[in-house]
């Protein structure tokens, strides 16, 4: 039997399912694609970083995204970081590639 493994971020002792954050952002009419991941955080274990691709012609500020999430998510699930990108890396079946994004973030941390 093959099990399905959910990607989970552990933030301040709480399990955070990044897909839940993605789904909240898909309710925003400005968002085309969303992908949340857990990134290392000295105090919390992991913090949530959200990558967003906006629809053509739309703009958003980081604060607007965080406020949107605060209205719809528990405080420990609200992203600490937001990055706007032109395109999300995708898996072979067309889903956002969380592993690629996480690897990219870990490499950034190594360079610091």
PDB file of N, CA and C in Angstrom:
ATOM      1  N   UNK A   1       0.844  -1.178   0.000  1.00  0.00           N
ATOM      2  CA  UNK A   1       0.000   0.000   0.000  1.00  0.00           C
ATOM      3  C   UNK A   1       0.888   1.239   0.000  1.00  0.00           C
ATOM      4  N   UNK A   2       0.586   2.170  -0.877  1.00  0.00           N
ATOM      5  CA  UNK A   2       1.344   3.404  -0.970  1.00  0.00           C
ATOM      6  C   UNK A   2       0.553   4.499  -0.273  1.00  0.00           C
ATOM      7  N   UNK A   3       1.208   5.195   0.650  1.00  0.00           N
ATOM      8  CA  UNK A   3       0.537   6.271   1.369  1.00  0.00           C
ATOM      9  C   UNK A   3       0.801   7.613   0.722  1.00  0.00           C
ATOM     10  N   UNK A   4      -0.071   8.554   0.983  1.00  0.00           N
ATOM     11  CA  UNK A   4       0.096   9.912   0.497  1.00  0.00           C
ATOM     12  C   UNK A   4       0.727  10.720   1.613  1.00  0.00           C
ATOM     13  N   UNK A   5       1.796  11.415   1.287  1.00  0.00           N
ATOM     14  CA  UNK A   5       2.497  12.221   2.271  1.00  0.00           C
ATOM     15  C   UNK A   5       2.111  13.681   2.061  1.00  0.00           C
ATOM     16  N   UNK A   6       1.565  14.303   3.083  1.00  0.00           N
ATOM     17  CA  UNK A   6       1.212  15.715   3.002  1.00  0.00           C
ATOM     18  C   UNK A   6       2.415  16.542   3.423  1.00  0.00           C
ATOM     19  N   UNK A   7       2.634  17.626   2.723  1.00  0.00           N
ATOM     20  CA  UNK A   7       3.708  18.526   3.109  1.00  0.00           C
ATOM     21  C   UNK A   7       3.177  19.396   4.235  1.00  0.00           C
ATOM     22  N   UNK A   8       3.893  19.398   5.349  1.00  0.00           N
ATOM     23  CA  UNK A   8       3.465  20.115   6.539  1.00  0.00           C
ATOM     24  C   UNK A   8       4.602  20.991   7.021  1.00  0.00           C
ATOM     25  N   UNK A   9       4.285  22.209   7.409  1.00  0.00           N
ATOM     26  CA  UNK A   9       5.259  23.072   8.067  1.00  0.00           C
ATOM     27  C   UNK A   9       4.929  23.044   9.557  1.00  0.00           C
ATOM     28  N   UNK A  10       5.951  22.985  10.378  1.00  0.00           N
ATOM     29  CA  UNK A  10       5.755  23.001  11.823  1.00  0.00           C
ATOM     30  C   UNK A  10       6.155  24.387  12.319  1.00  0.00           C
ATOM     31  N   UNK A  11       5.151  25.213  12.627  1.00  0.00           N
ATOM     32  CA  UNK A  11       5.383  26.602  13.016  1.00  0.00           C
ATOM     33  C   UNK A  11       4.922  26.818  14.449  1.00  0.00           C
ATOM     34  N   UNK A  12       5.867  27.137  15.324  1.00  0.00           N
ATOM     35  CA  UNK A  12       5.582  27.363  16.748  1.00  0.00           C
ATOM     36  C   UNK A  12       4.845  26.183  17.366  1.00  0.00           C
ATOM     37  N   UNK A  13       5.167  24.977  16.944  1.00  0.00           N
ATOM     38  CA  UNK A  13       4.556  23.778  17.494  1.00  0.00           C
ATOM     39  C   UNK A  13       3.239  23.390  16.842  1.00  0.00           C
ATOM     40  N   UNK A  14       2.763  24.153  15.885  1.00  0.00           N
ATOM     41  CA  UNK A  14       1.503  23.870  15.196  1.00  0.00           C
ATOM     42  C   UNK A  14       1.772  23.328  13.794  1.00  0.00           C
ATOM     43  N   UNK A  15       1.003  22.330  13.392  1.00  0.00           N
ATOM     44  CA  UNK A  15       1.070  21.848  12.017  1.00  0.00           C
ATOM     45  C   UNK A  15       0.337  22.830  11.115  1.00  0.00           C
ATOM     46  N   UNK A  16       1.014  23.237  10.052  1.00  0.00           N
ATOM     47  CA  UNK A  16       0.409  24.127   9.065  1.00  0.00           C
ATOM     48  C   UNK A  16       0.461  23.417   7.722  1.00  0.00           C
ATOM     49  N   UNK A  17      -0.681  23.245   7.108  1.00  0.00           N
ATOM     50  CA  UNK A  17      -0.749  22.612   5.792  1.00  0.00           C
ATOM     51  C   UNK A  17      -0.728  23.715   4.740  1.00  0.00           C
ATOM     52  N   UNK A  18       0.384  23.859   4.020  1.00  0.00           N
ATOM     53  CA  UNK A  18       0.516  24.953   3.054  1.00  0.00           C
ATOM     54  C   UNK A  18      -0.618  25.009   2.036  1.00  0.00           C
ATOM     55  N   UNK A  19      -1.168  23.875   1.670  1.00  0.00           N
ATOM     56  CA  UNK A  19      -2.264  23.865   0.696  1.00  0.00           C
ATOM     57  C   UNK A  19      -3.453  24.688   1.190  1.00  0.00           C
ATOM     58  N   UNK A  20      -3.683  24.707   2.505  1.00  0.00           N
ATOM     59  CA  UNK A  20      -4.779  25.498   3.071  1.00  0.00           C
ATOM     60  C   UNK A  20      -4.556  26.991   2.805  1.00  0.00           C
ATOM     61  N   UNK A  21      -3.325  27.432   2.921  1.00  0.00           N
ATOM     62  CA  UNK A  21      -2.997  28.832   2.662  1.00  0.00           C
ATOM     63  C   UNK A  21      -3.175  29.130   1.169  1.00  0.00           C
ATOM     64  N   UNK A  22      -2.721  28.196   0.330  1.00  0.00           N
ATOM     65  CA  UNK A  22      -2.919  28.357  -1.122  1.00  0.00           C
ATOM     66  C   UNK A  22      -4.398  28.555  -1.439  1.00  0.00           C
ATOM     67  N   UNK A  23      -5.228  27.709  -0.878  1.00  0.00           N
ATOM     68  CA  UNK A  23      -6.666  27.758  -1.172  1.00  0.00           C
ATOM     69  C   UNK A  23      -7.286  29.087  -0.738  1.00  0.00           C
ATOM     70  N   UNK A  24      -6.842  29.632   0.382  1.00  0.00           N
ATOM     71  CA  UNK A  24      -7.329  30.939   0.817  1.00  0.00           C
ATOM     72  C   UNK A  24      -6.943  31.991  -0.215  1.00  0.00           C
ATOM     73  N   UNK A  25      -5.715  31.935  -0.709  1.00  0.00           N
ATOM     74  CA  UNK A  25      -5.274  32.947  -1.672  1.00  0.00           C
ATOM     75  C   UNK A  25      -5.980  32.803  -3.017  1.00  0.00           C
ATOM     76  N   UNK A  26      -6.388  31.598  -3.367  1.00  0.00           N
ATOM     77  CA  UNK A  26      -7.128  31.419  -4.622  1.00  0.00           C
ATOM     78  C   UNK A  26      -8.513  32.077  -4.563  1.00  0.00           C
ATOM     79  N   UNK A  27      -8.987  32.438  -3.381  1.00  0.00           N
ATOM     80  CA  UNK A  27     -10.252  33.158  -3.279  1.00  0.00           C
ATOM     81  C   UNK A  27     -10.079  34.641  -3.572  1.00  0.00           C
ATOM     82  N   UNK A  28      -8.836  35.098  -3.641  1.00  0.00           N
ATOM     83  CA  UNK A  28      -8.567  36.506  -3.959  1.00  0.00           C
ATOM     84  C   UNK A  28      -8.602  36.672  -5.472  1.00  0.00           C
ATOM     85  N   UNK A  29      -9.421  37.581  -5.984  1.00  0.00           N
ATOM     86  CA  UNK A  29      -9.566  37.727  -7.431  1.00  0.00           C
ATOM     87  C   UNK A  29      -8.316  38.205  -8.157  1.00  0.00           C
ATOM     88  N   UNK A  30      -7.314  38.692  -7.443  1.00  0.00           N
ATOM     89  CA  UNK A  30      -6.079  39.164  -8.075  1.00  0.00           C
ATOM     90  C   UNK A  30      -5.057  38.046  -8.293  1.00  0.00           C
ATOM     91  N   UNK A  31      -5.268  36.895  -7.646  1.00  0.00           N
ATOM     92  CA  UNK A  31      -4.263  35.835  -7.631  1.00  0.00           C
ATOM     93  C   UNK A  31      -4.509  34.800  -8.723  1.00  0.00           C
ATOM     94  N   UNK A  32      -3.447  34.532  -9.489  1.00  0.00           N
ATOM     95  CA  UNK A  32      -3.505  33.494 -10.515  1.00  0.00           C
ATOM     96  C   UNK A  32      -3.003  32.168  -9.944  1.00  0.00           C
ATOM     97  N   UNK A  33      -1.858  32.204  -9.268  1.00  0.00           N
ATOM     98  CA  UNK A  33      -1.285  30.997  -8.657  1.00  0.00           C
ATOM     99  C   UNK A  33      -0.707  31.341  -7.296  1.00  0.00           C
ATOM    100  N   UNK A  34      -0.766  30.367  -6.378  1.00  0.00           N
ATOM    101  CA  UNK A  34      -0.234  30.559  -5.030  1.00  0.00           C
ATOM    102  C   UNK A  34       0.444  29.270  -4.579  1.00  0.00           C
ATOM    103  N   UNK A  35       1.519  29.434  -3.810  1.00  0.00           N
ATOM    104  CA  UNK A  35       2.210  28.271  -3.257  1.00  0.00           C
ATOM    105  C   UNK A  35       2.906  28.676  -1.964  1.00  0.00           C
ATOM    106  N   UNK A  36       2.489  28.078  -0.861  1.00  0.00           N
ATOM    107  CA  UNK A  36       3.084  28.345   0.446  1.00  0.00           C
ATOM    108  C   UNK A  36       4.042  27.217   0.815  1.00  0.00           C
ATOM    109  N   UNK A  37       5.120  27.584   1.491  1.00  0.00           N
ATOM    110  CA  UNK A  37       6.082  26.590   1.989  1.00  0.00           C
ATOM    111  C   UNK A  37       6.522  27.005   3.387  1.00  0.00           C
ATOM    112  N   UNK A  38       7.129  26.077   4.107  1.00  0.00           N
ATOM    113  CA  UNK A  38       7.743  26.385   5.387  1.00  0.00           C
ATOM    114  C   UNK A  38       9.210  26.698   5.156  1.00  0.00           C
ATOM    115  N   UNK A  39       9.695  27.780   5.764  1.00  0.00           N
ATOM    116  CA  UNK A  39      11.109  28.139   5.685  1.00  0.00           C
ATOM    117  C   UNK A  39      11.677  28.178   7.101  1.00  0.00           C
ATOM    118  N   UNK A  40      12.954  27.849   7.261  1.00  0.00           N
ATOM    119  CA  UNK A  40      13.543  27.827   8.600  1.00  0.00           C
ATOM    120  C   UNK A  40      13.409  29.164   9.328  1.00  0.00           C
ATOM    121  N   UNK A  41      13.106  29.083  10.615  1.00  0.00           N
ATOM    122  CA  UNK A  41      12.967  30.252  11.467  1.00  0.00           C
ATOM    123  C   UNK A  41      13.512  29.876  12.836  1.00  0.00           C
ATOM    124  N   UNK A  42      14.463  30.655  13.337  1.00  0.00           N
ATOM    125  CA  UNK A  42      15.117  30.324  14.606  1.00  0.00           C
ATOM    126  C   UNK A  42      14.145  30.255  15.781  1.00  0.00           C
ATOM    127  N   UNK A  43      13.165  31.137  15.826  1.00  0.00           N
ATOM    128  CA  UNK A  43      12.241  31.199  16.953  1.00  0.00           C
ATOM    129  C   UNK A  43      11.074  30.228  16.821  1.00  0.00           C
ATOM    130  N   UNK A  44      10.533  30.090  15.606  1.00  0.00           N
ATOM    131  CA  UNK A  44       9.300  29.329  15.407  1.00  0.00           C
ATOM    132  C   UNK A  44       9.531  27.922  14.870  1.00  0.00           C
ATOM    133  N   UNK A  45      10.749  27.588  14.525  1.00  0.00           N
ATOM    134  CA  UNK A  45      11.010  26.308  13.862  1.00  0.00           C
ATOM    135  C   UNK A  45      10.915  26.506  12.366  1.00  0.00           C
ATOM    136  N   UNK A  46       9.715  26.827  11.904  1.00  0.00           N
ATOM    137  CA  UNK A  46       9.498  27.218  10.517  1.00  0.00           C
ATOM    138  C   UNK A  46       8.486  28.348  10.487  1.00  0.00           C
ATOM    139  N   UNK A  47       8.647  29.212   9.511  1.00  0.00           N
ATOM    140  CA  UNK A  47       7.660  30.253   9.229  1.00  0.00           C
ATOM    141  C   UNK A  47       7.132  29.995   7.836  1.00  0.00           C
ATOM    142  N   UNK A  48       5.982  30.560   7.544  1.00  0.00           N
ATOM    143  CA  UNK A  48       5.358  30.358   6.246  1.00  0.00           C
ATOM    144  C   UNK A  48       5.805  31.453   5.285  1.00  0.00           C
ATOM    145  N   UNK A  49       6.224  31.011   4.099  1.00  0.00           N
ATOM    146  CA  UNK A  49       6.528  31.936   3.006  1.00  0.00           C
ATOM    147  C   UNK A  49       5.555  31.621   1.879  1.00  0.00           C
ATOM    148  N   UNK A  50       4.955  32.654   1.344  1.00  0.00           N
ATOM    149  CA  UNK A  50       3.958  32.509   0.296  1.00  0.00           C
ATOM    150  C   UNK A  50       4.485  33.107  -1.003  1.00  0.00           C
ATOM    151  N   UNK A  51       4.446  32.312  -2.060  1.00  0.00           N
ATOM    152  CA  UNK A  51       4.816  32.771  -3.395  1.00  0.00           C
ATOM    153  C   UNK A  51       3.531  33.000  -4.167  1.00  0.00           C
ATOM    154  N   UNK A  52       3.436  34.150  -4.824  1.00  0.00           N
ATOM    155  CA  UNK A  52       2.231  34.477  -5.568  1.00  0.00           C
ATOM    156  C   UNK A  52       2.546  34.907  -6.994  1.00  0.00           C
ATOM    157  N   UNK A  53       1.718  34.444  -7.913  1.00  0.00           N
ATOM    158  CA  UNK A  53       1.701  34.929  -9.282  1.00  0.00           C
ATOM    159  C   UNK A  53       0.360  35.639  -9.436  1.00  0.00           C
ATOM    160  N   UNK A  54       0.424  36.911  -9.765  1.00  0.00           N
ATOM    161  CA  UNK A  54      -0.799  37.689  -9.911  1.00  0.00           C
ATOM    162  C   UNK A  54      -1.327  37.612 -11.339  1.00  0.00           C
ATOM    163  N   UNK A  55      -2.616  37.845 -11.475  1.00  0.00           N
ATOM    164  CA  UNK A  55      -3.229  37.886 -12.804  1.00  0.00           C
ATOM    165  C   UNK A  55      -2.675  39.100 -13.553  1.00  0.00           C
ATOM    166  N   UNK A  56      -2.625  39.027 -14.872  1.00  0.00           N
ATOM    167  CA  UNK A  56      -2.107  40.155 -15.658  1.00  0.00           C
ATOM    168  C   UNK A  56      -2.825  41.459 -15.314  1.00  0.00           C
ATOM    169  N   UNK A  57      -2.017  42.511 -15.124  1.00  0.00           N
ATOM    170  CA  UNK A  57      -2.565  43.831 -14.823  1.00  0.00           C
ATOM    171  C   UNK A  57      -2.878  44.080 -13.361  1.00  0.00           C
ATOM    172  N   UNK A  58      -2.770  43.061 -12.511  1.00  0.00           N
ATOM    173  CA  UNK A  58      -3.079  43.216 -11.080  1.00  0.00           C
ATOM    174  C   UNK A  58      -1.823  43.557 -10.283  1.00  0.00           C
ATOM    175  N   UNK A  59      -2.012  44.255  -9.180  1.00  0.00           N
ATOM    176  CA  UNK A  59      -0.916  44.551  -8.260  1.00  0.00           C
ATOM    177  C   UNK A  59      -1.409  44.309  -6.838  1.00  0.00           C
ATOM    178  N   UNK A  60      -0.480  43.936  -5.997  1.00  0.00           N
ATOM    179  CA  UNK A  60      -0.754  43.755  -4.565  1.00  0.00           C
ATOM    180  C   UNK A  60       0.516  44.093  -3.807  1.00  0.00           C
ATOM    181  N   UNK A  61       0.344  44.564  -2.598  1.00  0.00           N
ATOM    182  CA  UNK A  61       1.478  44.786  -1.709  1.00  0.00           C
ATOM    183  C   UNK A  61       1.531  43.632  -0.709  1.00  0.00           C
ATOM    184  N   UNK A  62       2.706  43.409  -0.142  1.00  0.00           N
ATOM    185  CA  UNK A  62       2.877  42.338   0.845  1.00  0.00           C
ATOM    186  C   UNK A  62       1.890  42.510   1.999  1.00  0.00           C
ATOM    187  N   UNK A  63       1.724  43.737   2.468  1.00  0.00           N
ATOM    188  CA  UNK A  63       0.805  44.002   3.585  1.00  0.00           C
ATOM    189  C   UNK A  63      -0.626  43.620   3.223  1.00  0.00           C
ATOM    190  N   UNK A  64      -1.030  43.882   1.994  1.00  0.00           N
ATOM    191  CA  UNK A  64      -2.377  43.531   1.548  1.00  0.00           C
ATOM    192  C   UNK A  64      -2.594  42.012   1.608  1.00  0.00           C
ATOM    193  N   UNK A  65      -1.578  41.262   1.218  1.00  0.00           N
ATOM    194  CA  UNK A  65      -1.659  39.795   1.257  1.00  0.00           C
ATOM    195  C   UNK A  65      -1.757  39.313   2.695  1.00  0.00           C
ATOM    196  N   UNK A  66      -0.911  39.842   3.549  1.00  0.00           N
ATOM    197  CA  UNK A  66      -0.907  39.422   4.957  1.00  0.00           C
ATOM    198  C   UNK A  66      -2.225  39.783   5.631  1.00  0.00           C
ATOM    199  N   UNK A  67      -2.749  40.978   5.368  1.00  0.00           N
ATOM    200  CA  UNK A  67      -4.050  41.375   5.935  1.00  0.00           C
ATOM    201  C   UNK A  67      -5.163  40.455   5.436  1.00  0.00           C
ATOM    202  N   UNK A  68      -5.118  40.092   4.155  1.00  0.00           N
ATOM    203  CA  UNK A  68      -6.109  39.180   3.581  1.00  0.00           C
ATOM    204  C   UNK A  68      -6.078  37.836   4.316  1.00  0.00           C
ATOM    205  N   UNK A  69      -4.864  37.345   4.569  1.00  0.00           N
ATOM    206  CA  UNK A  69      -4.710  36.069   5.272  1.00  0.00           C
ATOM    207  C   UNK A  69      -5.145  36.172   6.731  1.00  0.00           C
ATOM    208  N   UNK A  70      -4.841  37.288   7.381  1.00  0.00           N
ATOM    209  CA  UNK A  70      -5.226  37.474   8.783  1.00  0.00           C
ATOM    210  C   UNK A  70      -6.734  37.398   8.970  1.00  0.00           C
ATOM    211  N   UNK A  71      -7.484  37.864   7.966  1.00  0.00           N
ATOM    212  CA  UNK A  71      -8.940  37.835   8.043  1.00  0.00           C
ATOM    213  C   UNK A  71      -9.501  36.422   7.884  1.00  0.00           C
ATOM    214  N   UNK A  72      -8.703  35.502   7.302  1.00  0.00           N
ATOM    215  CA  UNK A  72      -9.236  34.204   6.918  1.00  0.00           C
ATOM    216  C   UNK A  72      -8.520  32.999   7.539  1.00  0.00           C
ATOM    217  N   UNK A  73      -7.412  33.246   8.217  1.00  0.00           N
ATOM    218  CA  UNK A  73      -6.619  32.141   8.778  1.00  0.00           C
ATOM    219  C   UNK A  73      -6.324  32.374  10.257  1.00  0.00           C
ATOM    220  N   UNK A  74      -6.027  31.296  10.950  1.00  0.00           N
ATOM    221  CA  UNK A  74      -5.543  31.402  12.332  1.00  0.00           C
ATOM    222  C   UNK A  74      -4.205  32.135  12.324  1.00  0.00           C
ATOM    223  N   UNK A  75      -3.905  32.867  13.387  1.00  0.00           N
ATOM    224  CA  UNK A  75      -2.670  33.667  13.408  1.00  0.00           C
ATOM    225  C   UNK A  75      -1.388  32.884  13.083  1.00  0.00           C
ATOM    226  N   UNK A  76      -1.279  31.642  13.553  1.00  0.00           N
ATOM    227  CA  UNK A  76      -0.053  30.884  13.298  1.00  0.00           C
ATOM    228  C   UNK A  76       0.066  30.411  11.848  1.00  0.00           C
ATOM    229  N   UNK A  77      -0.997  30.545  11.071  1.00  0.00           N
ATOM    230  CA  UNK A  77      -0.983  30.139   9.664  1.00  0.00           C
ATOM    231  C   UNK A  77      -0.708  31.304   8.710  1.00  0.00           C
ATOM    232  N   UNK A  78      -0.739  32.512   9.223  1.00  0.00           N
ATOM    233  CA  UNK A  78      -0.529  33.686   8.378  1.00  0.00           C
ATOM    234  C   UNK A  78       0.928  33.732   7.922  1.00  0.00           C
ATOM    235  N   UNK A  79       1.160  33.900   6.618  1.00  0.00           N
ATOM    236  CA  UNK A  79       2.534  33.947   6.124  1.00  0.00           C
ATOM    237  C   UNK A  79       3.336  35.085   6.747  1.00  0.00           C
ATOM    238  N   UNK A  80       4.577  34.781   7.039  1.00  0.00           N
ATOM    239  CA  UNK A  80       5.482  35.810   7.549  1.00  0.00           C
ATOM    240  C   UNK A  80       6.166  36.521   6.382  1.00  0.00           C
ATOM    241  N   UNK A  81       6.337  35.809   5.282  1.00  0.00           N
ATOM    242  CA  UNK A  81       7.007  36.342   4.099  1.00  0.00           C
ATOM    243  C   UNK A  81       6.122  36.142   2.873  1.00  0.00           C
ATOM    244  N   UNK A  82       6.178  37.116   1.966  1.00  0.00           N
ATOM    245  CA  UNK A  82       5.445  37.026   0.703  1.00  0.00           C
ATOM    246  C   UNK A  82       6.410  37.419  -0.408  1.00  0.00           C
ATOM    247  N   UNK A  83       6.436  36.613  -1.463  1.00  0.00           N
ATOM    248  CA  UNK A  83       7.264  36.938  -2.619  1.00  0.00           C
ATOM    249  C   UNK A  83       6.399  36.838  -3.872  1.00  0.00           C
ATOM    250  N   UNK A  84       6.428  37.908  -4.650  1.00  0.00           N
ATOM    251  CA  UNK A  84       5.699  37.921  -5.915  1.00  0.00           C
ATOM    252  C   UNK A  84       6.657  37.461  -7.009  1.00  0.00           C
ATOM    253  N   UNK A  85       6.232  36.468  -7.773  1.00  0.00           N
ATOM    254  CA  UNK A  85       7.068  35.943  -8.846  1.00  0.00           C
ATOM    255  C   UNK A  85       6.254  35.884 -10.132  1.00  0.00           C
ATOM    256  N   UNK A  86       6.977  35.794 -11.252  1.00  0.00           N
ATOM    257  CA  UNK A  86       6.308  35.775 -12.559  1.00  0.00           C
ATOM    258  C   UNK A  86       5.733  34.412 -12.891  1.00  0.00           C
ATOM    259  N   UNK A  87       6.363  33.368 -12.349  1.00  0.00           N
ATOM    260  CA  UNK A  87       5.960  32.006 -12.703  1.00  0.00           C
ATOM    261  C   UNK A  87       6.363  31.046 -11.589  1.00  0.00           C
ATOM    262  N   UNK A  88       5.466  30.146 -11.240  1.00  0.00           N
ATOM    263  CA  UNK A  88       5.783  29.113 -10.249  1.00  0.00           C
ATOM    264  C   UNK A  88       6.407  27.914 -10.956  1.00  0.00           C
ATOM    265  N   UNK A  89       7.403  27.288 -10.336  1.00  0.00           N
ATOM    266  CA  UNK A  89       7.865  26.021 -10.902  1.00  0.00           C
ATOM    267  C   UNK A  89       6.755  24.983 -10.723  1.00  0.00           C
ATOM    268  N   UNK A  90       6.577  24.143 -11.717  1.00  0.00           N
ATOM    269  CA  UNK A  90       5.513  23.143 -11.673  1.00  0.00           C
ATOM    270  C   UNK A  90       6.091  21.738 -11.744  1.00  0.00           C
ATOM    271  N   UNK A  91       5.367  20.796 -11.148  1.00  0.00           N
ATOM    272  CA  UNK A  91       5.747  19.388 -11.246  1.00  0.00           C
ATOM    273  C   UNK A  91       5.339  18.872 -12.624  1.00  0.00           C
ATOM    274  N   UNK A  92       5.678  17.635 -12.901  1.00  0.00           N
ATOM    275  CA  UNK A  92       5.348  17.026 -14.189  1.00  0.00           C
ATOM    276  C   UNK A  92       3.839  16.966 -14.432  1.00  0.00           C
ATOM    277  N   UNK A  93       3.053  16.969 -13.352  1.00  0.00           N
ATOM    278  CA  UNK A  93       1.597  16.912 -13.531  1.00  0.00           C
ATOM    279  C   UNK A  93       0.936  18.288 -13.402  1.00  0.00           C
ATOM    280  N   UNK A  94       1.741  19.342 -13.375  1.00  0.00           N
ATOM    281  CA  UNK A  94       1.206  20.696 -13.409  1.00  0.00           C
ATOM    282  C   UNK A  94       0.857  21.326 -12.077  1.00  0.00           C
ATOM    283  N   UNK A  95       1.275  20.708 -10.972  1.00  0.00           N
ATOM    284  CA  UNK A  95       1.029  21.297  -9.648  1.00  0.00           C
ATOM    285  C   UNK A  95       2.241  22.144  -9.247  1.00  0.00           C
ATOM    286  N   UNK A  96       2.043  23.149  -8.387  1.00  0.00           N
ATOM    287  CA  UNK A  96       3.192  23.927  -7.913  1.00  0.00           C
ATOM    288  C   UNK A  96       4.229  23.014  -7.251  1.00  0.00           C
ATOM    289  N   UNK A  97       5.477  23.227  -7.585  1.00  0.00           N
ATOM    290  CA  UNK A  97       6.566  22.384  -7.081  1.00  0.00           C
ATOM    291  C   UNK A  97       7.122  22.965  -5.780  1.00  0.00           C
ATOM    292  N   UNK A  98       6.518  22.567  -4.662  1.00  0.00           N
ATOM    293  CA  UNK A  98       6.944  23.061  -3.347  1.00  0.00           C
ATOM    294  C   UNK A  98       8.392  22.682  -3.033  1.00  0.00           C
ATOM    295  N   UNK A  99       8.786  21.487  -3.439  1.00  0.00           N
ATOM    296  CA  UNK A  99      10.151  21.041  -3.152  1.00  0.00           C
ATOM    297  C   UNK A  99      11.176  21.942  -3.840  1.00  0.00           C
ATOM    298  N   UNK A 100      10.914  22.329  -5.078  1.00  0.00           N
ATOM    299  CA  UNK A 100      11.826  23.213  -5.808  1.00  0.00           C
ATOM    300  C   UNK A 100      11.908  24.581  -5.133  1.00  0.00           C
ATOM    301  N   UNK A 101      10.763  25.102  -4.701  1.00  0.00           N
ATOM    302  CA  UNK A 101      10.752  26.394  -4.019  1.00  0.00           C
ATOM    303  C   UNK A 101      11.495  26.321  -2.686  1.00  0.00           C
ATOM    304  N   UNK A 102      11.271  25.240  -1.953  1.00  0.00           N
ATOM    305  CA  UNK A 102      11.946  25.083  -0.658  1.00  0.00           C
ATOM    306  C   UNK A 102      13.457  24.966  -0.859  1.00  0.00           C
ATOM    307  N   UNK A 103      13.870  24.203  -1.862  1.00  0.00           N
ATOM    308  CA  UNK A 103      15.300  24.054  -2.150  1.00  0.00           C
ATOM    309  C   UNK A 103      15.910  25.410  -2.502  1.00  0.00           C
ATOM    310  N   UNK A 104      15.198  26.190  -3.287  1.00  0.00           N
ATOM    311  CA  UNK A 104      15.676  27.530  -3.658  1.00  0.00           C
ATOM    312  C   UNK A 104      15.860  28.403  -2.415  1.00  0.00           C
ATOM    313  N   UNK A 105      14.910  28.335  -1.491  1.00  0.00           N
ATOM    314  CA  UNK A 105      15.000  29.128  -0.265  1.00  0.00           C
ATOM    315  C   UNK A 105      16.152  28.667   0.621  1.00  0.00           C
ATOM    316  N   UNK A 106      16.362  27.361   0.716  1.00  0.00           N
ATOM    317  CA  UNK A 106      17.462  26.834   1.518  1.00  0.00           C
ATOM    318  C   UNK A 106      18.818  27.264   0.925  1.00  0.00           C
ATOM    319  N   UNK A 107      18.904  27.288  -0.390  1.00  0.00           N
ATOM    320  CA  UNK A 107      20.139  27.739  -1.039  1.00  0.00           C
ATOM    321  C   UNK A 107      20.388  29.213  -0.774  1.00  0.00           C
ATOM    322  N   UNK A 108      19.332  30.030  -0.750  1.00  0.00           N
ATOM    323  CA  UNK A 108      19.486  31.455  -0.411  1.00  0.00           C
ATOM    324  C   UNK A 108      20.043  31.607   0.993  1.00  0.00           C
ATOM    325  N   UNK A 109      19.554  30.787   1.927  1.00  0.00           N
ATOM    326  CA  UNK A 109      20.019  30.871   3.311  1.00  0.00           C
ATOM    327  C   UNK A 109      21.497  30.490   3.442  1.00  0.00           C
ATOM    328  N   UNK A 110      21.922  29.511   2.647  1.00  0.00           N
ATOM    329  CA  UNK A 110      23.330  29.092   2.675  1.00  0.00           C
ATOM    330  C   UNK A 110      24.253  30.204   2.195  1.00  0.00           C
ATOM    331  N   UNK A 111      23.769  31.040   1.278  1.00  0.00           N
ATOM    332  CA  UNK A 111      24.574  32.121   0.721  1.00  0.00           C
ATOM    333  C   UNK A 111      24.727  33.269   1.691  1.00  0.00           C
ATOM    334  N   UNK A 112      23.845  33.368   2.685  1.00  0.00           N
ATOM    335  CA  UNK A 112      23.906  34.488   3.640  1.00  0.00           C
ATOM    336  C   UNK A 112      24.976  34.293   4.675  1.00  0.00           C
TER     337      UNK A 112
END
